[in-house]
Amino acid sequence: MVDWDRVAQLRSEIGEADFEEVVTLFLAEVAEVAEKLRSAPDPATLDADLHFLKGTVLNLGMHELGRLCEEGTQCAARGEPVDIAGLLACYDESRRILLEGLGRSG
């Protein structure tokens, strides 16, 4: 679920000193949108929310979640239902794996 090569590339691109701060910022931004989708998804902004998530999670190496976000943006753009529950389950698992792999909790 996590592309560790991408995580290593991100670490290399931004430097070791700023890596933790950037990951924390990215995860906070993703958590904010995920919580919005979990509690009160807005059909008017769903496409934009999923597009934002896709870009951020791909930077963090969460390719499966990025793929689901892309599928969701396509469905939302066509006015079709989006599997938000499945997307959020993938988010929860991807986040857990990423944090565990980085030696962090919660």
PDB file of N, CA and C in Angstrom:
ATOM      1  N   MET A   1       0.806  -1.203   0.000  1.00  0.00           N
ATOM      2  CA  MET A   1       0.000   0.000   0.000  1.00  0.00           C
ATOM      3  C   MET A   1       0.846   1.262   0.000  1.00  0.00           C
ATOM      4  N   VAL A   2       2.074   1.162   0.457  1.00  0.00           N
ATOM      5  CA  VAL A   2       2.960   2.321   0.484  1.00  0.00           C
ATOM      6  C   VAL A   2       4.171   2.019  -0.392  1.00  0.00           C
ATOM      7  N   ASP A   3       4.462   2.928  -1.283  1.00  0.00           N
ATOM      8  CA  ASP A   3       5.632   2.825  -2.147  1.00  0.00           C
ATOM      9  C   ASP A   3       6.811   3.448  -1.394  1.00  0.00           C
ATOM     10  N   TRP A   4       7.617   2.589  -0.785  1.00  0.00           N
ATOM     11  CA  TRP A   4       8.716   3.071   0.045  1.00  0.00           C
ATOM     12  C   TRP A   4       9.796   3.764  -0.777  1.00  0.00           C
ATOM     13  N   ASP A   5       9.891   3.418  -2.068  1.00  0.00           N
ATOM     14  CA  ASP A   5      10.828   4.137  -2.932  1.00  0.00           C
ATOM     15  C   ASP A   5      10.409   5.598  -3.067  1.00  0.00           C
ATOM     16  N   ARG A   6       9.104   5.843  -3.170  1.00  0.00           N
ATOM     17  CA  ARG A   6       8.606   7.217  -3.253  1.00  0.00           C
ATOM     18  C   ARG A   6       8.864   7.962  -1.939  1.00  0.00           C
ATOM     19  N   VAL A   7       8.676   7.284  -0.826  1.00  0.00           N
ATOM     20  CA  VAL A   7       8.950   7.902   0.475  1.00  0.00           C
ATOM     21  C   VAL A   7      10.429   8.282   0.561  1.00  0.00           C
ATOM     22  N   ALA A   8      11.298   7.384   0.128  1.00  0.00           N
ATOM     23  CA  ALA A   8      12.741   7.670   0.134  1.00  0.00           C
ATOM     24  C   ALA A   8      13.065   8.829  -0.806  1.00  0.00           C
ATOM     25  N   GLN A   9      12.405   8.882  -1.950  1.00  0.00           N
ATOM     26  CA  GLN A   9      12.611   9.973  -2.897  1.00  0.00           C
ATOM     27  C   GLN A   9      12.173  11.302  -2.279  1.00  0.00           C
ATOM     28  N   LEU A  10      11.023  11.315  -1.608  1.00  0.00           N
ATOM     29  CA  LEU A  10      10.555  12.528  -0.944  1.00  0.00           C
ATOM     30  C   LEU A  10      11.562  12.975   0.111  1.00  0.00           C
ATOM     31  N   ARG A  11      12.060  12.030   0.875  1.00  0.00           N
ATOM     32  CA  ARG A  11      13.059  12.343   1.904  1.00  0.00           C
ATOM     33  C   ARG A  11      14.301  12.956   1.267  1.00  0.00           C
ATOM     34  N   SER A  12      14.707  12.411   0.152  1.00  0.00           N
ATOM     35  CA  SER A  12      15.884  12.923  -0.555  1.00  0.00           C
ATOM     36  C   SER A  12      15.625  14.312  -1.146  1.00  0.00           C
ATOM     37  N   GLU A  13      14.429  14.515  -1.692  1.00  0.00           N
ATOM     38  CA  GLU A  13      14.088  15.794  -2.324  1.00  0.00           C
ATOM     39  C   GLU A  13      14.043  16.939  -1.320  1.00  0.00           C
ATOM     40  N   ILE A  14      13.494  16.690  -0.139  1.00  0.00           N
ATOM     41  CA  ILE A  14      13.315  17.795   0.812  1.00  0.00           C
ATOM     42  C   ILE A  14      14.372  17.820   1.908  1.00  0.00           C
ATOM     43  N   GLY A  15      15.124  16.748   2.015  1.00  0.00           N
ATOM     44  CA  GLY A  15      16.187  16.693   3.010  1.00  0.00           C
ATOM     45  C   GLY A  15      15.712  16.102   4.320  1.00  0.00           C
ATOM     46  N   GLU A  16      16.622  15.451   4.970  1.00  0.00           N
ATOM     47  CA  GLU A  16      16.325  14.764   6.223  1.00  0.00           C
ATOM     48  C   GLU A  16      15.787  15.722   7.284  1.00  0.00           C
ATOM     49  N   ALA A  17      16.353  16.923   7.338  1.00  0.00           N
ATOM     50  CA  ALA A  17      15.977  17.877   8.384  1.00  0.00           C
ATOM     51  C   ALA A  17      14.508  18.287   8.301  1.00  0.00           C
ATOM     52  N   ASP A  18      13.963  18.403   7.096  1.00  0.00           N
ATOM     53  CA  ASP A  18      12.586  18.859   6.918  1.00  0.00           C
ATOM     54  C   ASP A  18      11.592  17.732   6.666  1.00  0.00           C
ATOM     55  N   PHE A  19      12.083  16.517   6.505  1.00  0.00           N
ATOM     56  CA  PHE A  19      11.220  15.399   6.130  1.00  0.00           C
ATOM     57  C   PHE A  19      10.083  15.175   7.128  1.00  0.00           C
ATOM     58  N   GLU A  20      10.404  15.074   8.401  1.00  0.00           N
ATOM     59  CA  GLU A  20       9.376  14.810   9.419  1.00  0.00           C
ATOM     60  C   GLU A  20       8.311  15.899   9.416  1.00  0.00           C
ATOM     61  N   GLU A  21       8.742  17.144   9.318  1.00  0.00           N
ATOM     62  CA  GLU A  21       7.797  18.262   9.318  1.00  0.00           C
ATOM     63  C   GLU A  21       6.863  18.200   8.108  1.00  0.00           C
ATOM     64  N   VAL A  22       7.421  17.891   6.942  1.00  0.00           N
ATOM     65  CA  VAL A  22       6.607  17.812   5.723  1.00  0.00           C
ATOM     66  C   VAL A  22       5.628  16.645   5.804  1.00  0.00           C
ATOM     67  N   VAL A  23       6.084  15.494   6.266  1.00  0.00           N
ATOM     68  CA  VAL A  23       5.190  14.337   6.404  1.00  0.00           C
ATOM     69  C   VAL A  23       4.069  14.666   7.383  1.00  0.00           C
ATOM     70  N   THR A  24       4.398  15.298   8.489  1.00  0.00           N
ATOM     71  CA  THR A  24       3.385  15.683   9.470  1.00  0.00           C
ATOM     72  C   THR A  24       2.373  16.638   8.855  1.00  0.00           C
ATOM     73  N   LEU A  25       2.849  17.611   8.100  1.00  0.00           N
ATOM     74  CA  LEU A  25       1.961  18.566   7.432  1.00  0.00           C
ATOM     75  C   LEU A  25       1.065  17.860   6.416  1.00  0.00           C
ATOM     76  N   PHE A  26       1.654  17.016   5.562  1.00  0.00           N
ATOM     77  CA  PHE A  26       0.873  16.286   4.562  1.00  0.00           C
ATOM     78  C   PHE A  26      -0.189  15.421   5.239  1.00  0.00           C
ATOM     79  N   LEU A  27       0.201  14.700   6.288  1.00  0.00           N
ATOM     80  CA  LEU A  27      -0.752  13.826   6.974  1.00  0.00           C
ATOM     81  C   LEU A  27      -1.872  14.623   7.629  1.00  0.00           C
ATOM     82  N   ALA A  28      -1.553  15.791   8.164  1.00  0.00           N
ATOM     83  CA  ALA A  28      -2.590  16.637   8.772  1.00  0.00           C
ATOM     84  C   ALA A  28      -3.577  17.115   7.717  1.00  0.00           C
ATOM     85  N   GLU A  29      -3.062  17.504   6.545  1.00  0.00           N
ATOM     86  CA  GLU A  29      -3.945  17.960   5.468  1.00  0.00           C
ATOM     87  C   GLU A  29      -4.835  16.826   4.975  1.00  0.00           C
ATOM     88  N   VAL A  30      -4.260  15.645   4.829  1.00  0.00           N
ATOM     89  CA  VAL A  30      -5.030  14.483   4.385  1.00  0.00           C
ATOM     90  C   VAL A  30      -6.076  14.121   5.435  1.00  0.00           C
ATOM     91  N   ALA A  31      -5.700  14.145   6.707  1.00  0.00           N
ATOM     92  CA  ALA A  31      -6.637  13.808   7.789  1.00  0.00           C
ATOM     93  C   ALA A  31      -7.824  14.765   7.806  1.00  0.00           C
ATOM     94  N   GLU A  32      -7.562  16.035   7.523  1.00  0.00           N
ATOM     95  CA  GLU A  32      -8.641  17.025   7.510  1.00  0.00           C
ATOM     96  C   GLU A  32      -9.669  16.703   6.423  1.00  0.00           C
ATOM     97  N   VAL A  33      -9.195  16.391   5.245  1.00  0.00           N
ATOM     98  CA  VAL A  33     -10.112  16.064   4.142  1.00  0.00           C
ATOM     99  C   VAL A  33     -10.779  14.715   4.401  1.00  0.00           C
ATOM    100  N   ALA A  34     -10.025  13.755   4.924  1.00  0.00           N
ATOM    101  CA  ALA A  34     -10.612  12.443   5.231  1.00  0.00           C
ATOM    102  C   ALA A  34     -11.729  12.580   6.262  1.00  0.00           C
ATOM    103  N   GLU A  35     -11.512  13.415   7.253  1.00  0.00           N
ATOM    104  CA  GLU A  35     -12.549  13.617   8.272  1.00  0.00           C
ATOM    105  C   GLU A  35     -13.789  14.268   7.655  1.00  0.00           C
ATOM    106  N   LYS A  36     -13.582  15.195   6.747  1.00  0.00           N
ATOM    107  CA  LYS A  36     -14.710  15.820   6.043  1.00  0.00           C
ATOM    108  C   LYS A  36     -15.490  14.760   5.270  1.00  0.00           C
ATOM    109  N   LEU A  37     -14.763  13.872   4.574  1.00  0.00           N
ATOM    110  CA  LEU A  37     -15.421  12.805   3.815  1.00  0.00           C
ATOM    111  C   LEU A  37     -16.123  11.818   4.746  1.00  0.00           C
ATOM    112  N   ARG A  38     -15.542  11.595   5.907  1.00  0.00           N
ATOM    113  CA  ARG A  38     -16.104  10.648   6.867  1.00  0.00           C
ATOM    114  C   ARG A  38     -17.380  11.200   7.506  1.00  0.00           C
ATOM    115  N   SER A  39     -17.382  12.485   7.832  1.00  0.00           N
ATOM    116  CA  SER A  39     -18.497  13.040   8.601  1.00  0.00           C
ATOM    117  C   SER A  39     -19.554  13.744   7.753  1.00  0.00           C
ATOM    118  N   ALA A  40     -19.126  14.471   6.736  1.00  0.00           N
ATOM    119  CA  ALA A  40     -20.092  15.249   5.953  1.00  0.00           C
ATOM    120  C   ALA A  40     -19.574  15.508   4.538  1.00  0.00           C
ATOM    121  N   PRO A  41     -19.512  14.458   3.711  1.00  0.00           N
ATOM    122  CA  PRO A  41     -19.030  14.680   2.348  1.00  0.00           C
ATOM    123  C   PRO A  41     -19.954  15.639   1.597  1.00  0.00           C
ATOM    124  N   ASP A  42     -19.361  16.561   0.891  1.00  0.00           N
ATOM    125  CA  ASP A  42     -20.118  17.559   0.142  1.00  0.00           C
ATOM    126  C   ASP A  42     -20.055  17.216  -1.343  1.00  0.00           C
ATOM    127  N   PRO A  43     -21.182  16.806  -1.935  1.00  0.00           N
ATOM    128  CA  PRO A  43     -21.173  16.456  -3.361  1.00  0.00           C
ATOM    129  C   PRO A  43     -20.642  17.586  -4.254  1.00  0.00           C
ATOM    130  N   ALA A  44     -20.824  18.829  -3.826  1.00  0.00           N
ATOM    131  CA  ALA A  44     -20.378  19.968  -4.635  1.00  0.00           C
ATOM    132  C   ALA A  44     -18.855  20.085  -4.684  1.00  0.00           C
ATOM    133  N   THR A  45     -18.168  19.566  -3.661  1.00  0.00           N
ATOM    134  CA  THR A  45     -16.707  19.680  -3.628  1.00  0.00           C
ATOM    135  C   THR A  45     -16.004  18.325  -3.662  1.00  0.00           C
ATOM    136  N   LEU A  46     -16.757  17.257  -3.815  1.00  0.00           N
ATOM    137  CA  LEU A  46     -16.179  15.918  -3.756  1.00  0.00           C
ATOM    138  C   LEU A  46     -15.071  15.727  -4.780  1.00  0.00           C
ATOM    139  N   ASP A  47     -15.290  16.138  -6.001  1.00  0.00           N
ATOM    140  CA  ASP A  47     -14.279  15.996  -7.050  1.00  0.00           C
ATOM    141  C   ASP A  47     -12.995  16.720  -6.645  1.00  0.00           C
ATOM    142  N   ALA A  48     -13.111  17.948  -6.176  1.00  0.00           N
ATOM    143  CA  ALA A  48     -11.939  18.741  -5.773  1.00  0.00           C
ATOM    144  C   ALA A  48     -11.269  18.132  -4.537  1.00  0.00           C
ATOM    145  N   ASP A  49     -12.069  17.666  -3.589  1.00  0.00           N
ATOM    146  CA  ASP A  49     -11.506  17.046  -2.386  1.00  0.00           C
ATOM    147  C   ASP A  49     -10.690  15.807  -2.747  1.00  0.00           C
ATOM    148  N   LEU A  50     -11.230  14.978  -3.626  1.00  0.00           N
ATOM    149  CA  LEU A  50     -10.532  13.756  -4.025  1.00  0.00           C
ATOM    150  C   LEU A  50      -9.290  14.070  -4.853  1.00  0.00           C
ATOM    151  N   HIS A  51      -9.369  15.098  -5.685  1.00  0.00           N
ATOM    152  CA  HIS A  51      -8.203  15.504  -6.477  1.00  0.00           C
ATOM    153  C   HIS A  51      -7.081  15.975  -5.545  1.00  0.00           C
ATOM    154  N   PHE A  52      -7.426  16.776  -4.544  1.00  0.00           N
ATOM    155  CA  PHE A  52      -6.443  17.226  -3.570  1.00  0.00           C
ATOM    156  C   PHE A  52      -5.819  16.040  -2.848  1.00  0.00           C
ATOM    157  N   LEU A  53      -6.668  15.123  -2.370  1.00  0.00           N
ATOM    158  CA  LEU A  53      -6.162  13.940  -1.677  1.00  0.00           C
ATOM    159  C   LEU A  53      -5.205  13.155  -2.559  1.00  0.00           C
ATOM    160  N   LYS A  54      -5.589  12.963  -3.800  1.00  0.00           N
ATOM    161  CA  LYS A  54      -4.763  12.174  -4.715  1.00  0.00           C
ATOM    162  C   LYS A  54      -3.353  12.739  -4.794  1.00  0.00           C
ATOM    163  N   GLY A  55      -3.240  14.039  -5.014  1.00  0.00           N
ATOM    164  CA  GLY A  55      -1.921  14.640  -5.133  1.00  0.00           C
ATOM    165  C   GLY A  55      -1.093  14.498  -3.870  1.00  0.00           C
ATOM    166  N   THR A  56      -1.723  14.701  -2.744  1.00  0.00           N
ATOM    167  CA  THR A  56      -0.997  14.641  -1.476  1.00  0.00           C
ATOM    168  C   THR A  56      -0.578  13.216  -1.138  1.00  0.00           C
ATOM    169  N   VAL A  57      -1.492  12.262  -1.287  1.00  0.00           N
ATOM    170  CA  VAL A  57      -1.156  10.889  -0.910  1.00  0.00           C
ATOM    171  C   VAL A  57      -0.138  10.273  -1.864  1.00  0.00           C
ATOM    172  N   LEU A  58      -0.159  10.677  -3.124  1.00  0.00           N
ATOM    173  CA  LEU A  58       0.859  10.165  -4.042  1.00  0.00           C
ATOM    174  C   LEU A  58       2.238  10.668  -3.642  1.00  0.00           C
ATOM    175  N   ASN A  59       2.321  11.899  -3.141  1.00  0.00           N
ATOM    176  CA  ASN A  59       3.598  12.405  -2.635  1.00  0.00           C
ATOM    177  C   ASN A  59       4.100  11.582  -1.465  1.00  0.00           C
ATOM    178  N   LEU A  60       3.175  11.012  -0.688  1.00  0.00           N
ATOM    179  CA  LEU A  60       3.536  10.193   0.467  1.00  0.00           C
ATOM    180  C   LEU A  60       3.710   8.718   0.110  1.00  0.00           C
ATOM    181  N   GLY A  61       3.614   8.389  -1.165  1.00  0.00           N
ATOM    182  CA  GLY A  61       3.814   7.010  -1.601  1.00  0.00           C
ATOM    183  C   GLY A  61       2.613   6.105  -1.435  1.00  0.00           C
ATOM    184  N   MET A  62       1.444   6.677  -1.162  1.00  0.00           N
ATOM    185  CA  MET A  62       0.230   5.875  -0.961  1.00  0.00           C
ATOM    186  C   MET A  62      -0.462   5.666  -2.315  1.00  0.00           C
ATOM    187  N   HIS A  63       0.129   4.784  -3.115  1.00  0.00           N
ATOM    188  CA  HIS A  63      -0.343   4.636  -4.495  1.00  0.00           C
ATOM    189  C   HIS A  63      -1.725   4.015  -4.622  1.00  0.00           C
ATOM    190  N   GLU A  64      -2.039   3.034  -3.792  1.00  0.00           N
ATOM    191  CA  GLU A  64      -3.372   2.423  -3.865  1.00  0.00           C
ATOM    192  C   GLU A  64      -4.440   3.458  -3.518  1.00  0.00           C
ATOM    193  N   LEU A  65      -4.200   4.241  -2.493  1.00  0.00           N
ATOM    194  CA  LEU A  65      -5.139   5.295  -2.124  1.00  0.00           C
ATOM    195  C   LEU A  65      -5.230   6.342  -3.230  1.00  0.00           C
ATOM    196  N   GLY A  66      -4.115   6.685  -3.833  1.00  0.00           N
ATOM    197  CA  GLY A  66      -4.127   7.622  -4.959  1.00  0.00           C
ATOM    198  C   GLY A  66      -4.954   7.107  -6.117  1.00  0.00           C
ATOM    199  N   ARG A  67      -4.853   5.796  -6.379  1.00  0.00           N
ATOM    200  CA  ARG A  67      -5.638   5.189  -7.457  1.00  0.00           C
ATOM    201  C   ARG A  67      -7.128   5.276  -7.137  1.00  0.00           C
ATOM    202  N   LEU A  68      -7.486   5.009  -5.892  1.00  0.00           N
ATOM    203  CA  LEU A  68      -8.897   5.094  -5.499  1.00  0.00           C
ATOM    204  C   LEU A  68      -9.410   6.536  -5.575  1.00  0.00           C
ATOM    205  N   CYS A  69      -8.567   7.479  -5.227  1.00  0.00           N
ATOM    206  CA  CYS A  69      -8.951   8.894  -5.347  1.00  0.00           C
ATOM    207  C   CYS A  69      -9.181   9.260  -6.809  1.00  0.00           C
ATOM    208  N   GLU A  70      -8.322   8.772  -7.694  1.00  0.00           N
ATOM    209  CA  GLU A  70      -8.488   9.045  -9.125  1.00  0.00           C
ATOM    210  C   GLU A  70      -9.798   8.447  -9.631  1.00  0.00           C
ATOM    211  N   GLU A  71     -10.080   7.210  -9.255  1.00  0.00           N
ATOM    212  CA  GLU A  71     -11.351   6.594  -9.639  1.00  0.00           C
ATOM    213  C   GLU A  71     -12.519   7.408  -9.099  1.00  0.00           C
ATOM    214  N   GLY A  72     -12.394   7.862  -7.864  1.00  0.00           N
ATOM    215  CA  GLY A  72     -13.443   8.662  -7.246  1.00  0.00           C
ATOM    216  C   GLY A  72     -13.661   9.984  -7.959  1.00  0.00           C
ATOM    217  N   THR A  73     -12.583  10.640  -8.367  1.00  0.00           N
ATOM    218  CA  THR A  73     -12.741  11.914  -9.088  1.00  0.00           C
ATOM    219  C   THR A  73     -13.461  11.678 -10.411  1.00  0.00           C
ATOM    220  N   GLN A  74     -13.136  10.588 -11.068  1.00  0.00           N
ATOM    221  CA  GLN A  74     -13.808  10.283 -12.334  1.00  0.00           C
ATOM    222  C   GLN A  74     -15.288  10.010 -12.116  1.00  0.00           C
ATOM    223  N   CYS A  75     -15.615   9.238 -11.088  1.00  0.00           N
ATOM    224  CA  CYS A  75     -17.022   8.959 -10.781  1.00  0.00           C
ATOM    225  C   CYS A  75     -17.752  10.243 -10.406  1.00  0.00           C
ATOM    226  N   ALA A  76     -17.152  11.053  -9.554  1.00  0.00           N
ATOM    227  CA  ALA A  76     -17.781  12.302  -9.118  1.00  0.00           C
ATOM    228  C   ALA A  76     -18.026  13.229 -10.298  1.00  0.00           C
ATOM    229  N   ALA A  77     -17.070  13.294 -11.205  1.00  0.00           N
ATOM    230  CA  ALA A  77     -17.210  14.166 -12.378  1.00  0.00           C
ATOM    231  C   ALA A  77     -18.366  13.719 -13.271  1.00  0.00           C
ATOM    232  N   ARG A  78     -18.637  12.403 -13.266  1.00  0.00           N
ATOM    233  CA  ARG A  78     -19.744  11.869 -14.073  1.00  0.00           C
ATOM    234  C   ARG A  78     -21.053  11.834 -13.295  1.00  0.00           C
ATOM    235  N   GLY A  79     -21.010  12.266 -12.034  1.00  0.00           N
ATOM    236  CA  GLY A  79     -22.215  12.244 -11.206  1.00  0.00           C
ATOM    237  C   GLY A  79     -22.564  10.860 -10.697  1.00  0.00           C
ATOM    238  N   GLU A  80     -21.594   9.962 -10.705  1.00  0.00           N
ATOM    239  CA  GLU A  80     -21.805   8.600 -10.227  1.00  0.00           C
ATOM    240  C   GLU A  80     -21.403   8.495  -8.761  1.00  0.00           C
ATOM    241  N   PRO A  81     -21.918   7.486  -8.054  1.00  0.00           N
ATOM    242  CA  PRO A  81     -21.554   7.324  -6.644  1.00  0.00           C
ATOM    243  C   PRO A  81     -20.058   7.024  -6.480  1.00  0.00           C
ATOM    244  N   VAL A  82     -19.509   7.504  -5.394  1.00  0.00           N
ATOM    245  CA  VAL A  82     -18.108   7.263  -5.047  1.00  0.00           C
ATOM    246  C   VAL A  82     -18.085   6.382  -3.803  1.00  0.00           C
ATOM    247  N   ASP A  83     -17.233   5.369  -3.824  1.00  0.00           N
ATOM    248  CA  ASP A  83     -17.105   4.461  -2.675  1.00  0.00           C
ATOM    249  C   ASP A  83     -16.258   5.143  -1.599  1.00  0.00           C
ATOM    250  N   ILE A  84     -16.877   6.048  -0.883  1.00  0.00           N
ATOM    251  CA  ILE A  84     -16.161   6.805   0.142  1.00  0.00           C
ATOM    252  C   ILE A  84     -15.724   5.885   1.277  1.00  0.00           C
ATOM    253  N   ALA A  85     -16.564   4.933   1.656  1.00  0.00           N
ATOM    254  CA  ALA A  85     -16.206   4.013   2.748  1.00  0.00           C
ATOM    255  C   ALA A  85     -14.967   3.203   2.382  1.00  0.00           C
ATOM    256  N   GLY A  86     -14.906   2.709   1.163  1.00  0.00           N
ATOM    257  CA  GLY A  86     -13.739   1.949   0.717  1.00  0.00           C
ATOM    258  C   GLY A  86     -12.492   2.810   0.649  1.00  0.00           C
ATOM    259  N   LEU A  87     -12.666   4.028   0.187  1.00  0.00           N
ATOM    260  CA  LEU A  87     -11.559   4.969   0.108  1.00  0.00           C
ATOM    261  C   LEU A  87     -11.022   5.283   1.511  1.00  0.00           C
ATOM    262  N   LEU A  88     -11.919   5.507   2.455  1.00  0.00           N
ATOM    263  CA  LEU A  88     -11.499   5.822   3.818  1.00  0.00           C
ATOM    264  C   LEU A  88     -10.852   4.617   4.506  1.00  0.00           C
ATOM    265  N   ALA A  89     -11.326   3.421   4.218  1.00  0.00           N
ATOM    266  CA  ALA A  89     -10.690   2.216   4.770  1.00  0.00           C
ATOM    267  C   ALA A  89      -9.263   2.092   4.249  1.00  0.00           C
ATOM    268  N   CYS A  90      -9.074   2.381   2.964  1.00  0.00           N
ATOM    269  CA  CYS A  90      -7.736   2.349   2.379  1.00  0.00           C
ATOM    270  C   CYS A  90      -6.862   3.445   2.994  1.00  0.00           C
ATOM    271  N   TYR A  91      -7.440   4.609   3.227  1.00  0.00           N
ATOM    272  CA  TYR A  91      -6.713   5.698   3.880  1.00  0.00           C
ATOM    273  C   TYR A  91      -6.247   5.266   5.263  1.00  0.00           C
ATOM    274  N   ASP A  92      -7.143   4.717   6.055  1.00  0.00           N
ATOM    275  CA  ASP A  92      -6.803   4.309   7.415  1.00  0.00           C
ATOM    276  C   ASP A  92      -5.652   3.301   7.411  1.00  0.00           C
ATOM    277  N   GLU A  93      -5.743   2.318   6.528  1.00  0.00           N
ATOM    278  CA  GLU A  93      -4.709   1.283   6.460  1.00  0.00           C
ATOM    279  C   GLU A  93      -3.401   1.841   5.908  1.00  0.00           C
ATOM    280  N   SER A  94      -3.469   2.668   4.886  1.00  0.00           N
ATOM    281  CA  SER A  94      -2.258   3.260   4.311  1.00  0.00           C
ATOM    282  C   SER A  94      -1.543   4.139   5.326  1.00  0.00           C
ATOM    283  N   ARG A  95      -2.312   4.920   6.061  1.00  0.00           N
ATOM    284  CA  ARG A  95      -1.747   5.798   7.089  1.00  0.00           C
ATOM    285  C   ARG A  95      -1.064   4.965   8.171  1.00  0.00           C
ATOM    286  N   ARG A  96      -1.736   3.904   8.601  1.00  0.00           N
ATOM    287  CA  ARG A  96      -1.163   3.034   9.626  1.00  0.00           C
ATOM    288  C   ARG A  96       0.167   2.444   9.162  1.00  0.00           C
ATOM    289  N   ILE A  97       0.185   1.932   7.936  1.00  0.00           N
ATOM    290  CA  ILE A  97       1.398   1.315   7.384  1.00  0.00           C
ATOM    291  C   ILE A  97       2.514   2.358   7.252  1.00  0.00           C
ATOM    292  N   LEU A  98       2.178   3.539   6.766  1.00  0.00           N
ATOM    293  CA  LEU A  98       3.190   4.589   6.602  1.00  0.00           C
ATOM    294  C   LEU A  98       3.790   4.963   7.955  1.00  0.00           C
ATOM    295  N   LEU A  99       2.934   5.234   8.924  1.00  0.00           N
ATOM    296  CA  LEU A  99       3.429   5.641  10.242  1.00  0.00           C
ATOM    297  C   LEU A  99       4.249   4.538  10.890  1.00  0.00           C
ATOM    298  N   GLU A 100       3.779   3.300  10.758  1.00  0.00           N
ATOM    299  CA  GLU A 100       4.510   2.181  11.315  1.00  0.00           C
ATOM    300  C   GLU A 100       5.886   2.055  10.654  1.00  0.00           C
ATOM    301  N   GLY A 101       5.914   2.204   9.343  1.00  0.00           N
ATOM    302  CA  GLY A 101       7.169   2.106   8.600  1.00  0.00           C
ATOM    303  C   GLY A 101       8.133   3.232   8.912  1.00  0.00           C
ATOM    304  N   LEU A 102       7.595   4.380   9.294  1.00  0.00           N
ATOM    305  CA  LEU A 102       8.440   5.524   9.669  1.00  0.00           C
ATOM    306  C   LEU A 102       8.804   5.490  11.151  1.00  0.00           C
ATOM    307  N   GLY A 103       8.310   4.473  11.865  1.00  0.00           N
ATOM    308  CA  GLY A 103       8.603   4.353  13.279  1.00  0.00           C
ATOM    309  C   GLY A 103       7.857   5.344  14.137  1.00  0.00           C
ATOM    310  N   ARG A 104       6.672   5.735  13.666  1.00  0.00           N
ATOM    311  CA  ARG A 104       5.844   6.702  14.399  1.00  0.00           C
ATOM    312  C   ARG A 104       4.548   6.031  14.803  1.00  0.00           C
ATOM    313  N   SER A 105       3.881   6.607  15.771  1.00  0.00           N
ATOM    314  CA  SER A 105       2.556   6.116  16.155  1.00  0.00           C
ATOM    315  C   SER A 105       1.536   7.188  15.875  1.00  0.00           C
ATOM    316  N   GLY A 106       0.254   6.752  15.732  1.00  0.00           N
ATOM    317  CA  GLY A 106      -0.890   7.640  15.575  1.00  0.00           C
ATOM    318  C   GLY A 106      -0.664   8.721  14.675  1.00  0.00           C
TER     319      GLY A 106
END
